[in-house]
Protein backbone atom coordinates (compact mmCIF):
# COMPACT_ATOMS: atom_id res chain seq x y z
CA MET A 1 141.89 61.42 61.75
CA THR A 2 140.28 64.80 62.06
CA ASN A 3 141.02 68.43 62.13
CA LYS A 4 139.32 69.77 65.39
CA ALA A 5 139.49 73.43 64.24
CA ALA A 6 137.46 72.57 61.06
CA LYS A 7 134.41 72.04 63.46
CA GLY A 8 133.16 69.48 61.59
CA ARG A 9 132.64 71.16 58.51
CA LYS A 10 134.71 70.83 55.03
CA GLY A 11 138.43 69.87 55.80
CA SER A 12 137.64 68.02 58.99
CA LEU A 13 138.49 64.87 57.74
CA VAL A 14 142.41 64.67 57.16
CA ALA A 15 142.83 60.92 56.98
CA MET A 16 140.90 57.53 57.43
CA VAL A 17 143.21 54.48 57.69
CA LYS A 18 142.02 51.10 57.42
CA GLY A 19 143.40 48.78 60.12
CA THR A 20 145.12 49.31 63.30
CA GLN A 21 148.60 47.78 62.67
CA ALA A 22 151.02 50.42 63.71
CA GLU A 23 153.49 50.15 60.88
CA VAL A 24 150.75 50.34 58.33
CA VAL A 25 149.13 53.22 59.71
CA ILE A 26 152.48 54.90 60.33
CA ASP A 27 153.43 54.36 56.63
CA ILE A 28 150.35 55.82 55.52
CA LEU A 29 150.39 58.86 57.69
CA ARG A 30 154.21 59.84 56.85
CA LYS A 31 152.85 60.78 53.54
CA ILE A 32 151.68 63.74 54.97
CA PRO A 33 154.39 66.30 54.73
CA LYS A 34 156.47 66.40 58.17
CA ARG A 35 156.12 70.14 58.43
CA LEU A 36 152.40 69.70 58.74
CA ARG A 37 152.58 66.84 61.15
CA GLU A 38 154.86 68.82 63.28
CA LYS A 39 152.07 71.57 63.74
CA VAL A 40 149.79 69.09 65.51
CA ARG A 41 149.74 70.10 69.11
CA GLU A 42 147.23 67.29 70.38
CA VAL A 43 146.22 63.75 69.86
CA THR A 44 143.34 62.18 71.53
CA LEU A 45 143.72 58.41 71.56
CA ASP A 46 142.44 55.12 73.07
CA MET A 47 144.85 53.14 75.66
CA ALA A 48 146.32 50.81 72.96
CA ALA A 49 150.06 50.82 72.95
CA SER A 50 150.00 50.55 69.17
CA MET A 51 148.27 54.14 69.16
CA GLY A 52 150.99 55.43 71.36
CA MET A 53 153.63 54.41 68.93
CA ILE A 54 151.67 55.79 66.00
CA VAL A 55 151.56 59.16 67.63
CA SER A 56 155.27 59.37 68.77
CA ARG A 57 156.42 58.43 65.42
CA CYS A 58 154.13 60.62 63.09
CA PHE A 59 153.32 63.46 65.55
CA PRO A 60 156.64 64.15 67.62
CA LYS A 61 155.48 67.31 68.92
CA ALA A 62 152.16 66.53 70.06
CA SER A 63 150.84 65.75 73.30
CA LYS A 64 149.01 62.69 73.85
CA VAL A 65 145.67 62.62 75.63
CA ILE A 66 143.95 59.36 76.56
CA ASP A 67 140.14 59.90 75.84
CA ARG A 68 138.09 59.94 79.11
CA PHE A 69 135.72 56.98 77.99
CA HIS A 70 138.57 54.58 78.00
CA VAL A 71 139.77 55.64 81.21
CA GLN A 72 136.27 55.54 82.99
CA LYS A 73 135.46 52.18 81.32
CA LEU A 74 138.82 50.72 82.94
CA VAL A 75 137.88 52.14 86.29
CA TYR A 76 134.29 50.78 86.46
CA GLU A 77 135.75 47.14 85.27
CA ALA A 78 138.19 47.20 88.24
CA VAL A 79 135.10 47.97 90.33
CA GLN A 80 133.19 45.13 88.95
CA GLU A 81 136.35 42.74 89.45
CA VAL A 82 136.01 43.63 93.19
CA ARG A 83 132.41 42.68 93.13
CA ILE A 84 132.79 39.53 91.43
CA LYS A 85 135.76 38.42 93.56
CA TYR A 86 133.43 38.86 96.52
CA ARG A 87 130.39 36.95 94.56
CA TRP A 88 132.85 34.02 94.08
CA GLU A 89 133.59 33.87 97.77
CA ALA A 90 130.11 34.04 98.62
CA LEU A 91 129.32 31.19 96.05
CA ASP A 92 132.15 29.06 97.57
CA GLU A 93 130.98 29.63 101.08
CA GLU A 94 127.45 28.98 100.41
CA ASN A 95 128.33 25.59 98.46
CA GLN A 96 130.49 24.75 101.72
CA ALA A 97 127.32 25.46 103.89
CA VAL A 98 125.03 23.32 101.73
CA GLU A 99 127.46 20.42 101.84
CA LYS A 100 127.96 20.74 105.56
CA ALA A 101 124.16 20.88 106.06
CA ARG A 102 123.80 18.05 103.84
CA ASN A 103 126.25 15.91 105.67
CA VAL A 104 124.36 16.40 109.00
CA GLY A 105 121.06 15.52 107.31
CA LEU A 106 119.56 19.18 107.15
CA SER A 107 118.32 21.52 104.47
CA TYR A 108 120.35 24.45 103.77
CA GLN A 109 118.62 27.92 104.22
CA PRO A 110 120.55 30.98 103.29
CA GLU A 111 120.58 34.04 105.18
CA ILE A 112 117.82 36.40 103.77
CA LEU A 113 118.81 40.06 103.77
CA ALA A 114 116.32 43.05 104.59
CA ASN A 115 115.67 43.66 100.96
CA GLY A 116 114.82 39.82 100.36
CA ASP A 117 117.93 39.07 98.69
CA THR A 118 120.48 36.36 99.71
CA LEU A 119 124.17 37.36 99.79
CA LYS A 120 124.66 35.79 96.40
CA GLN A 121 121.83 37.65 95.05
CA LEU A 122 122.93 40.92 96.38
CA LEU A 123 126.17 40.62 94.89
CA ALA A 124 124.86 39.61 91.43
CA ARG A 125 121.99 42.30 91.29
CA SER A 126 124.43 45.28 92.54
CA ARG A 127 126.15 45.10 89.04
CA TYR A 128 124.15 47.80 87.49
CA LEU A 129 124.02 50.30 90.38
CA LEU A 130 127.86 50.27 90.39
CA PHE A 131 127.92 51.73 87.10
CA LYS A 132 125.47 54.65 87.94
CA HIS A 133 126.06 57.54 89.87
CA SER A 134 124.02 57.31 93.06
CA ASP A 135 121.69 60.33 92.14
CA LYS A 136 120.06 58.17 89.41
CA TRP A 137 119.47 54.96 91.60
CA THR A 138 116.34 53.44 92.07
CA ALA A 139 114.63 53.09 95.78
CA SER A 140 115.55 49.37 95.52
CA GLN A 141 119.14 50.17 94.41
CA VAL A 142 119.58 52.65 97.29
CA GLN A 143 118.67 49.87 99.58
CA ARG A 144 120.81 47.25 97.89
CA SER A 145 123.63 49.62 97.91
CA ARG A 146 123.50 50.31 101.83
CA LEU A 147 123.39 46.58 102.43
CA LEU A 148 126.16 45.94 99.74
CA PHE A 149 128.29 48.69 101.20
CA GLU A 150 127.87 47.62 104.87
CA ARG A 151 129.07 44.29 104.06
CA TYR A 152 131.81 45.16 101.67
CA PRO A 153 133.50 48.41 102.47
CA VAL A 154 136.27 47.75 99.88
CA ILE A 155 133.32 47.75 96.98
CA HIS A 156 132.18 51.02 98.51
CA GLU A 157 135.62 52.63 98.46
CA ALA A 158 136.21 51.45 94.85
CA TYR A 159 132.67 52.79 93.78
CA LYS A 160 133.58 56.28 95.41
CA LEU A 161 136.99 56.31 93.50
CA ALA A 162 135.22 55.69 90.26
CA THR A 163 132.35 58.11 90.66
CA GLY A 164 134.96 60.72 91.77
CA LEU A 165 136.69 60.37 88.69
CA GLY A 166 133.62 60.77 86.76
CA THR A 167 132.90 64.08 88.62
CA ILE A 168 136.38 65.24 87.98
CA PHE A 169 135.68 64.69 84.25
CA ARG A 170 132.54 66.42 84.08
CA SER A 171 133.59 69.34 86.16
CA CYS A 172 137.24 70.11 85.09
CA LYS A 173 137.61 72.22 82.07
CA SER A 174 141.41 72.58 82.05
CA LYS A 175 143.50 69.59 80.71
């Protein structure tokens, strides 16, 4: 726990508590006089329920602010979940097509996209571009994103929402 007003100098560190069990942390923080704890206006925390309970009990007048890192991480994980869902579908479809070709005595030839990827490869190789802002994509990532977003508009929409949230965090100065 730090005092932001000290700006990293003497008096910045208020408390350091080992562990994350709410009751243990609460017991230690309650050793700080109540009148001082009631002066706390804002607490930045992660998304753990135990952290919310600690803040509610120890700093009743403070507003809770979830830090942007954890919010953005959750949003980008959701984008990846959509990509992974489509990848599993592509794997299943390819396995069925391989089986079907084998049953009729042919060898399976997957569709090759304009960039040389198969659909399965496109979905696997798009992982990292979905974490980056489009301004930072390489030429191959730009091409891959066009192919991906044409075939999977839901991934495109999820990506736009995720990057839009990042833009809000970067540009917005008020809470």
